[in-house]
Amino acid sequence: MTDTATTNTPKPPANLAPYVEAIGADDAARLFLALGGTIIYLPKDRATARSRAAQVIGARKVEALAARLGVDYVKVPLAKTWIAELMFAQGESIAEIARTVRSDVSTVRRWLGPSNGERQMDLFPA
């Protein structure tokens, strides 16, 4: 994924917003793709580089996430729809988005809605 500082980042849904606010859109997407659907531990003190979350986003980002979400075991959301919106805003193709989020291209098109720039061909053009 490209840097979201130069793109129009889609607003995350309420369940994803704390992650995005704490660690940024790109690192949140990286975390969701790598660990979505699993449970991670957010430590009270310093995060160790051995944790899978720290390997994905770095120990400092895990600490920032713990400060925002609180110390506990947290189930990481899958966030496929939001990641698709983020990638599309960054200029990725629908096929690449579908491969990345492991979903069918028609599902990705449905998530992105009619404004995704891809239209069905007219069988009988005027």
N, C-alpha and C. Protein backbone atom coordinates (compact mmCIF):
# COMPACT_ATOMS: atom_id res chain seq x y z
N MET A 1 0.83 -1.18 0.00
CA MET A 1 0.00 0.00 0.00
C MET A 1 0.87 1.24 0.00
N THR A 2 0.33 2.31 -0.56
CA THR A 2 1.09 3.54 -0.63
C THR A 2 0.83 4.40 0.59
N ASP A 3 1.56 5.49 0.68
CA ASP A 3 1.43 6.40 1.81
C ASP A 3 0.08 7.11 1.76
N THR A 4 -0.67 7.07 2.84
CA THR A 4 -2.00 7.68 2.86
C THR A 4 -1.95 9.17 3.11
N ALA A 5 -0.79 9.73 3.39
CA ALA A 5 -0.70 11.16 3.64
C ALA A 5 -1.04 11.95 2.38
N THR A 6 -0.81 11.36 1.21
CA THR A 6 -1.07 12.07 -0.04
C THR A 6 -2.39 11.66 -0.66
N THR A 7 -3.14 10.79 -0.03
CA THR A 7 -4.41 10.35 -0.58
C THR A 7 -5.55 10.75 0.34
N ASN A 8 -6.73 10.55 -0.15
CA ASN A 8 -7.93 10.85 0.61
C ASN A 8 -8.34 9.60 1.38
N THR A 9 -7.92 9.49 2.63
CA THR A 9 -8.17 8.31 3.44
C THR A 9 -9.64 8.22 3.79
N PRO A 10 -10.29 7.08 3.51
CA PRO A 10 -11.70 6.93 3.88
C PRO A 10 -11.87 6.88 5.39
N LYS A 11 -12.97 7.42 5.86
CA LYS A 11 -13.25 7.42 7.29
C LYS A 11 -13.49 5.99 7.76
N PRO A 12 -12.78 5.55 8.79
CA PRO A 12 -12.98 4.18 9.28
C PRO A 12 -14.28 4.08 10.08
N PRO A 13 -14.92 2.91 10.07
CA PRO A 13 -16.10 2.72 10.92
C PRO A 13 -15.70 2.79 12.39
N ALA A 14 -16.68 2.93 13.26
CA ALA A 14 -16.44 3.16 14.69
C ALA A 14 -15.58 2.07 15.32
N ASN A 15 -15.74 0.82 14.91
CA ASN A 15 -14.94 -0.25 15.53
C ASN A 15 -13.47 -0.22 15.11
N LEU A 16 -13.16 0.44 14.00
CA LEU A 16 -11.79 0.52 13.52
C LEU A 16 -11.12 1.85 13.86
N ALA A 17 -11.91 2.85 14.16
CA ALA A 17 -11.39 4.20 14.40
C ALA A 17 -10.31 4.26 15.48
N PRO A 18 -10.46 3.58 16.62
CA PRO A 18 -9.40 3.65 17.64
C PRO A 18 -8.05 3.14 17.13
N TYR A 19 -8.06 2.12 16.30
CA TYR A 19 -6.83 1.59 15.73
C TYR A 19 -6.18 2.62 14.81
N VAL A 20 -7.00 3.22 13.93
CA VAL A 20 -6.50 4.19 12.96
C VAL A 20 -5.98 5.44 13.68
N GLU A 21 -6.71 5.89 14.70
CA GLU A 21 -6.29 7.06 15.46
C GLU A 21 -4.98 6.81 16.20
N ALA A 22 -4.79 5.61 16.71
CA ALA A 22 -3.60 5.30 17.51
C ALA A 22 -2.36 5.06 16.67
N ILE A 23 -2.51 4.36 15.54
CA ILE A 23 -1.30 3.95 14.80
C ILE A 23 -1.28 4.39 13.34
N GLY A 24 -2.32 5.07 12.87
CA GLY A 24 -2.36 5.52 11.48
C GLY A 24 -3.02 4.50 10.58
N ALA A 25 -3.50 4.98 9.45
CA ALA A 25 -4.25 4.14 8.52
C ALA A 25 -3.43 3.00 7.94
N ASP A 26 -2.21 3.30 7.50
CA ASP A 26 -1.40 2.26 6.86
C ASP A 26 -1.02 1.14 7.83
N ASP A 27 -0.59 1.52 9.04
CA ASP A 27 -0.23 0.49 10.01
C ASP A 27 -1.46 -0.27 10.50
N ALA A 28 -2.59 0.42 10.62
CA ALA A 28 -3.82 -0.27 11.01
C ALA A 28 -4.20 -1.30 9.94
N ALA A 29 -4.12 -0.91 8.68
CA ALA A 29 -4.43 -1.85 7.60
C ALA A 29 -3.46 -3.02 7.61
N ARG A 30 -2.19 -2.74 7.84
CA ARG A 30 -1.19 -3.82 7.90
C ARG A 30 -1.51 -4.78 9.04
N LEU A 31 -1.90 -4.23 10.21
CA LEU A 31 -2.27 -5.07 11.35
C LEU A 31 -3.50 -5.91 11.03
N PHE A 32 -4.53 -5.29 10.44
CA PHE A 32 -5.76 -6.01 10.11
C PHE A 32 -5.49 -7.14 9.12
N LEU A 33 -4.66 -6.87 8.11
CA LEU A 33 -4.36 -7.90 7.11
C LEU A 33 -3.55 -9.05 7.70
N ALA A 34 -2.61 -8.74 8.57
CA ALA A 34 -1.74 -9.78 9.12
C ALA A 34 -2.38 -10.55 10.26
N LEU A 35 -3.15 -9.87 11.12
CA LEU A 35 -3.64 -10.51 12.34
C LEU A 35 -5.15 -10.43 12.52
N GLY A 36 -5.87 -9.96 11.51
CA GLY A 36 -7.32 -9.85 11.62
C GLY A 36 -7.97 -11.19 11.93
N GLY A 37 -8.89 -11.17 12.90
CA GLY A 37 -9.58 -12.39 13.31
C GLY A 37 -8.89 -13.14 14.43
N THR A 38 -7.70 -12.68 14.83
CA THR A 38 -6.98 -13.34 15.92
C THR A 38 -6.98 -12.43 17.16
N ILE A 39 -6.54 -13.00 18.26
CA ILE A 39 -6.48 -12.25 19.52
C ILE A 39 -5.02 -11.91 19.81
N ILE A 40 -4.78 -10.64 20.14
CA ILE A 40 -3.44 -10.20 20.52
C ILE A 40 -3.49 -9.63 21.94
N TYR A 41 -2.36 -9.60 22.58
CA TYR A 41 -2.27 -9.02 23.91
C TYR A 41 -1.62 -7.65 23.82
N LEU A 42 -2.26 -6.66 24.42
CA LEU A 42 -1.69 -5.32 24.50
C LEU A 42 -1.13 -5.15 25.90
N PRO A 43 0.19 -5.03 26.01
CA PRO A 43 0.85 -5.04 27.33
C PRO A 43 0.69 -3.73 28.10
N LYS A 44 0.80 -3.86 29.43
CA LYS A 44 0.71 -2.71 30.32
C LYS A 44 1.97 -1.84 30.21
N ASP A 45 3.10 -2.50 30.17
CA ASP A 45 4.37 -1.77 30.13
C ASP A 45 4.88 -1.71 28.69
N ARG A 46 6.09 -2.07 28.53
CA ARG A 46 6.71 -2.02 27.20
C ARG A 46 6.38 -3.27 26.39
N ALA A 47 6.12 -3.06 25.12
CA ALA A 47 5.89 -4.19 24.21
C ALA A 47 7.23 -4.80 23.83
N THR A 48 7.24 -6.11 23.69
CA THR A 48 8.47 -6.78 23.28
C THR A 48 8.45 -6.99 21.76
N ALA A 49 9.61 -7.01 21.18
CA ALA A 49 9.72 -7.22 19.74
C ALA A 49 9.37 -8.64 19.34
N ARG A 50 9.22 -9.53 20.33
CA ARG A 50 8.90 -10.93 20.03
C ARG A 50 7.44 -11.13 19.68
N SER A 51 6.57 -10.23 20.10
CA SER A 51 5.14 -10.43 19.83
C SER A 51 4.86 -10.30 18.34
N ARG A 52 3.89 -11.03 17.89
CA ARG A 52 3.54 -11.00 16.47
C ARG A 52 3.07 -9.61 16.05
N ALA A 53 2.31 -8.94 16.91
CA ALA A 53 1.84 -7.59 16.59
C ALA A 53 3.03 -6.64 16.43
N ALA A 54 4.02 -6.74 17.31
CA ALA A 54 5.21 -5.89 17.22
C ALA A 54 6.02 -6.20 15.96
N GLN A 55 6.01 -7.44 15.53
CA GLN A 55 6.71 -7.81 14.29
C GLN A 55 6.03 -7.18 13.08
N VAL A 56 4.71 -6.99 13.18
CA VAL A 56 3.95 -6.42 12.06
C VAL A 56 4.02 -4.90 12.05
N ILE A 57 3.77 -4.25 13.19
CA ILE A 57 3.68 -2.79 13.21
C ILE A 57 4.75 -2.10 14.07
N GLY A 58 5.55 -2.86 14.80
CA GLY A 58 6.58 -2.28 15.65
C GLY A 58 6.12 -2.15 17.09
N ALA A 59 7.07 -2.25 18.00
CA ALA A 59 6.75 -2.23 19.44
C ALA A 59 6.15 -0.90 19.87
N ARG A 60 6.65 0.21 19.34
CA ARG A 60 6.11 1.52 19.73
C ARG A 60 4.65 1.67 19.31
N LYS A 61 4.30 1.14 18.17
CA LYS A 61 2.90 1.22 17.71
C LYS A 61 2.01 0.33 18.57
N VAL A 62 2.53 -0.80 19.02
CA VAL A 62 1.76 -1.67 19.93
C VAL A 62 1.52 -0.93 21.24
N GLU A 63 2.52 -0.23 21.73
CA GLU A 63 2.36 0.55 22.95
C GLU A 63 1.33 1.67 22.76
N ALA A 64 1.35 2.32 21.60
CA ALA A 64 0.37 3.37 21.30
C ALA A 64 -1.04 2.78 21.25
N LEU A 65 -1.15 1.59 20.69
CA LEU A 65 -2.44 0.91 20.62
C LEU A 65 -2.93 0.54 22.01
N ALA A 66 -2.03 0.08 22.86
CA ALA A 66 -2.39 -0.26 24.25
C ALA A 66 -2.85 0.98 25.00
N ALA A 67 -2.19 2.11 24.76
CA ALA A 67 -2.59 3.35 25.42
C ALA A 67 -3.98 3.79 24.97
N ARG A 68 -4.32 3.53 23.72
CA ARG A 68 -5.63 3.95 23.18
C ARG A 68 -6.74 2.97 23.54
N LEU A 69 -6.46 1.66 23.42
CA LEU A 69 -7.49 0.65 23.63
C LEU A 69 -7.53 0.12 25.06
N GLY A 70 -6.44 0.29 25.79
CA GLY A 70 -6.36 -0.26 27.13
C GLY A 70 -5.60 -1.58 27.11
N VAL A 71 -5.12 -1.95 28.26
CA VAL A 71 -4.35 -3.18 28.41
C VAL A 71 -5.31 -4.36 28.49
N ASP A 72 -5.15 -5.29 27.57
CA ASP A 72 -6.03 -6.45 27.57
C ASP A 72 -5.75 -7.30 26.34
N TYR A 73 -6.44 -8.41 26.28
CA TYR A 73 -6.45 -9.20 25.05
C TYR A 73 -7.51 -8.58 24.15
N VAL A 74 -7.15 -8.39 22.89
CA VAL A 74 -8.03 -7.72 21.94
C VAL A 74 -8.14 -8.59 20.69
N LYS A 75 -9.36 -8.75 20.22
CA LYS A 75 -9.56 -9.45 18.94
C LYS A 75 -9.43 -8.43 17.82
N VAL A 76 -8.49 -8.65 16.94
CA VAL A 76 -8.22 -7.73 15.85
C VAL A 76 -9.30 -7.90 14.77
N PRO A 77 -9.94 -6.80 14.36
CA PRO A 77 -10.98 -6.91 13.34
C PRO A 77 -10.40 -7.30 11.98
N LEU A 78 -11.24 -7.89 11.14
CA LEU A 78 -10.83 -8.23 9.78
C LEU A 78 -10.76 -6.98 8.89
N ALA A 79 -11.75 -6.13 8.97
CA ALA A 79 -11.76 -4.81 8.30
C ALA A 79 -11.61 -4.87 6.79
N LYS A 80 -12.10 -5.90 6.16
CA LYS A 80 -11.92 -6.06 4.71
C LYS A 80 -12.52 -4.91 3.91
N THR A 81 -13.72 -4.48 4.27
CA THR A 81 -14.39 -3.43 3.50
C THR A 81 -13.60 -2.13 3.59
N TRP A 82 -13.18 -1.76 4.78
CA TRP A 82 -12.44 -0.51 4.95
C TRP A 82 -11.08 -0.58 4.25
N ILE A 83 -10.41 -1.72 4.32
CA ILE A 83 -9.13 -1.87 3.63
C ILE A 83 -9.34 -1.74 2.12
N ALA A 84 -10.43 -2.30 1.61
CA ALA A 84 -10.73 -2.16 0.18
C ALA A 84 -10.93 -0.69 -0.18
N GLU A 85 -11.66 0.04 0.65
CA GLU A 85 -11.88 1.47 0.40
C GLU A 85 -10.56 2.24 0.45
N LEU A 86 -9.72 1.91 1.42
CA LEU A 86 -8.41 2.56 1.57
C LEU A 86 -7.54 2.29 0.35
N MET A 87 -7.46 1.05 -0.07
CA MET A 87 -6.64 0.70 -1.22
C MET A 87 -7.16 1.35 -2.50
N PHE A 88 -8.48 1.41 -2.65
CA PHE A 88 -9.07 2.04 -3.84
C PHE A 88 -8.74 3.54 -3.85
N ALA A 89 -8.80 4.17 -2.68
CA ALA A 89 -8.45 5.59 -2.58
C ALA A 89 -6.98 5.82 -2.93
N GLN A 90 -6.15 4.81 -2.72
CA GLN A 90 -4.73 4.91 -3.04
C GLN A 90 -4.44 4.55 -4.50
N GLY A 91 -5.50 4.21 -5.26
CA GLY A 91 -5.33 3.95 -6.68
C GLY A 91 -5.12 2.50 -7.06
N GLU A 92 -5.30 1.58 -6.13
CA GLU A 92 -5.13 0.16 -6.44
C GLU A 92 -6.30 -0.34 -7.30
N SER A 93 -6.03 -1.34 -8.12
CA SER A 93 -7.08 -1.92 -8.97
C SER A 93 -7.98 -2.82 -8.14
N ILE A 94 -9.17 -3.05 -8.65
CA ILE A 94 -10.13 -3.91 -7.95
C ILE A 94 -9.58 -5.33 -7.84
N ALA A 95 -8.90 -5.79 -8.88
CA ALA A 95 -8.32 -7.14 -8.84
C ALA A 95 -7.26 -7.24 -7.75
N GLU A 96 -6.41 -6.24 -7.63
CA GLU A 96 -5.37 -6.25 -6.60
C GLU A 96 -5.98 -6.18 -5.20
N ILE A 97 -7.02 -5.38 -5.05
CA ILE A 97 -7.71 -5.29 -3.76
C ILE A 97 -8.30 -6.65 -3.40
N ALA A 98 -8.95 -7.30 -4.36
CA ALA A 98 -9.56 -8.61 -4.11
C ALA A 98 -8.51 -9.63 -3.69
N ARG A 99 -7.35 -9.61 -4.34
CA ARG A 99 -6.27 -10.54 -3.96
C ARG A 99 -5.77 -10.25 -2.55
N THR A 100 -5.62 -8.98 -2.22
CA THR A 100 -5.08 -8.59 -0.92
C THR A 100 -6.02 -8.95 0.22
N VAL A 101 -7.32 -8.66 0.07
CA VAL A 101 -8.26 -8.92 1.15
C VAL A 101 -8.87 -10.32 1.06
N ARG A 102 -8.45 -11.08 0.05
CA ARG A 102 -8.90 -12.47 -0.13
C ARG A 102 -10.41 -12.56 -0.28
N SER A 103 -10.95 -11.75 -1.20
CA SER A 103 -12.38 -11.75 -1.50
C SER A 103 -12.56 -11.77 -3.01
N ASP A 104 -13.74 -12.13 -3.43
CA ASP A 104 -14.09 -12.15 -4.84
C ASP A 104 -14.16 -10.73 -5.39
N VAL A 105 -13.79 -10.55 -6.66
CA VAL A 105 -13.82 -9.21 -7.26
C VAL A 105 -15.22 -8.61 -7.25
N SER A 106 -16.24 -9.44 -7.44
CA SER A 106 -17.61 -8.91 -7.43
C SER A 106 -17.98 -8.42 -6.02
N THR A 107 -17.47 -9.06 -5.00
CA THR A 107 -17.71 -8.60 -3.63
C THR A 107 -17.03 -7.26 -3.40
N VAL A 108 -15.81 -7.12 -3.88
CA VAL A 108 -15.10 -5.85 -3.73
C VAL A 108 -15.83 -4.74 -4.48
N ARG A 109 -16.31 -5.02 -5.68
CA ARG A 109 -17.09 -4.02 -6.42
C ARG A 109 -18.33 -3.59 -5.64
N ARG A 110 -19.00 -4.55 -5.03
CA ARG A 110 -20.19 -4.24 -4.23
C ARG A 110 -19.83 -3.37 -3.03
N TRP A 111 -18.72 -3.69 -2.37
CA TRP A 111 -18.28 -2.87 -1.23
C TRP A 111 -18.01 -1.44 -1.65
N LEU A 112 -17.40 -1.26 -2.81
CA LEU A 112 -17.00 0.07 -3.25
C LEU A 112 -18.16 0.86 -3.82
N GLY A 113 -19.23 0.18 -4.21
CA GLY A 113 -20.42 0.88 -4.68
C GLY A 113 -20.29 1.41 -6.09
N PRO A 114 -21.32 2.11 -6.54
CA PRO A 114 -21.36 2.58 -7.93
C PRO A 114 -20.34 3.68 -8.23
N SER A 115 -19.75 4.30 -7.22
CA SER A 115 -18.79 5.37 -7.46
C SER A 115 -17.38 4.86 -7.69
N ASN A 116 -17.23 3.56 -7.86
CA ASN A 116 -15.88 3.00 -7.98
C ASN A 116 -15.25 3.21 -9.36
N GLY A 117 -15.95 3.89 -10.24
CA GLY A 117 -15.36 4.22 -11.53
C GLY A 117 -15.48 3.13 -12.57
N GLU A 118 -15.90 1.96 -12.18
CA GLU A 118 -16.08 0.88 -13.15
C GLU A 118 -17.57 0.71 -13.41
N ARG A 119 -17.94 0.83 -14.65
CA ARG A 119 -19.34 0.70 -15.01
C ARG A 119 -19.51 -0.51 -15.92
N GLN A 120 -20.68 -1.06 -15.86
CA GLN A 120 -21.00 -2.15 -16.78
C GLN A 120 -21.15 -1.57 -18.17
N MET A 121 -20.68 -2.31 -19.17
CA MET A 121 -20.79 -1.83 -20.55
C MET A 121 -22.25 -1.80 -20.97
N ASP A 122 -22.62 -0.81 -21.77
CA ASP A 122 -23.95 -0.74 -22.35
C ASP A 122 -24.01 -1.68 -23.54
N LEU A 123 -25.02 -2.56 -23.55
CA LEU A 123 -25.17 -3.47 -24.68
C LEU A 123 -25.71 -2.74 -25.90
N PHE A 124 -26.51 -1.74 -25.65
CA PHE A 124 -27.11 -0.98 -26.74
C PHE A 124 -26.80 0.50 -26.53
N PRO A 125 -25.59 0.93 -26.91
CA PRO A 125 -25.23 2.35 -26.68
C PRO A 125 -26.14 3.26 -27.50
N ALA A 126 -26.40 4.40 -26.95
CA ALA A 126 -27.31 5.35 -27.62
C ALA A 126 -26.66 6.05 -28.77
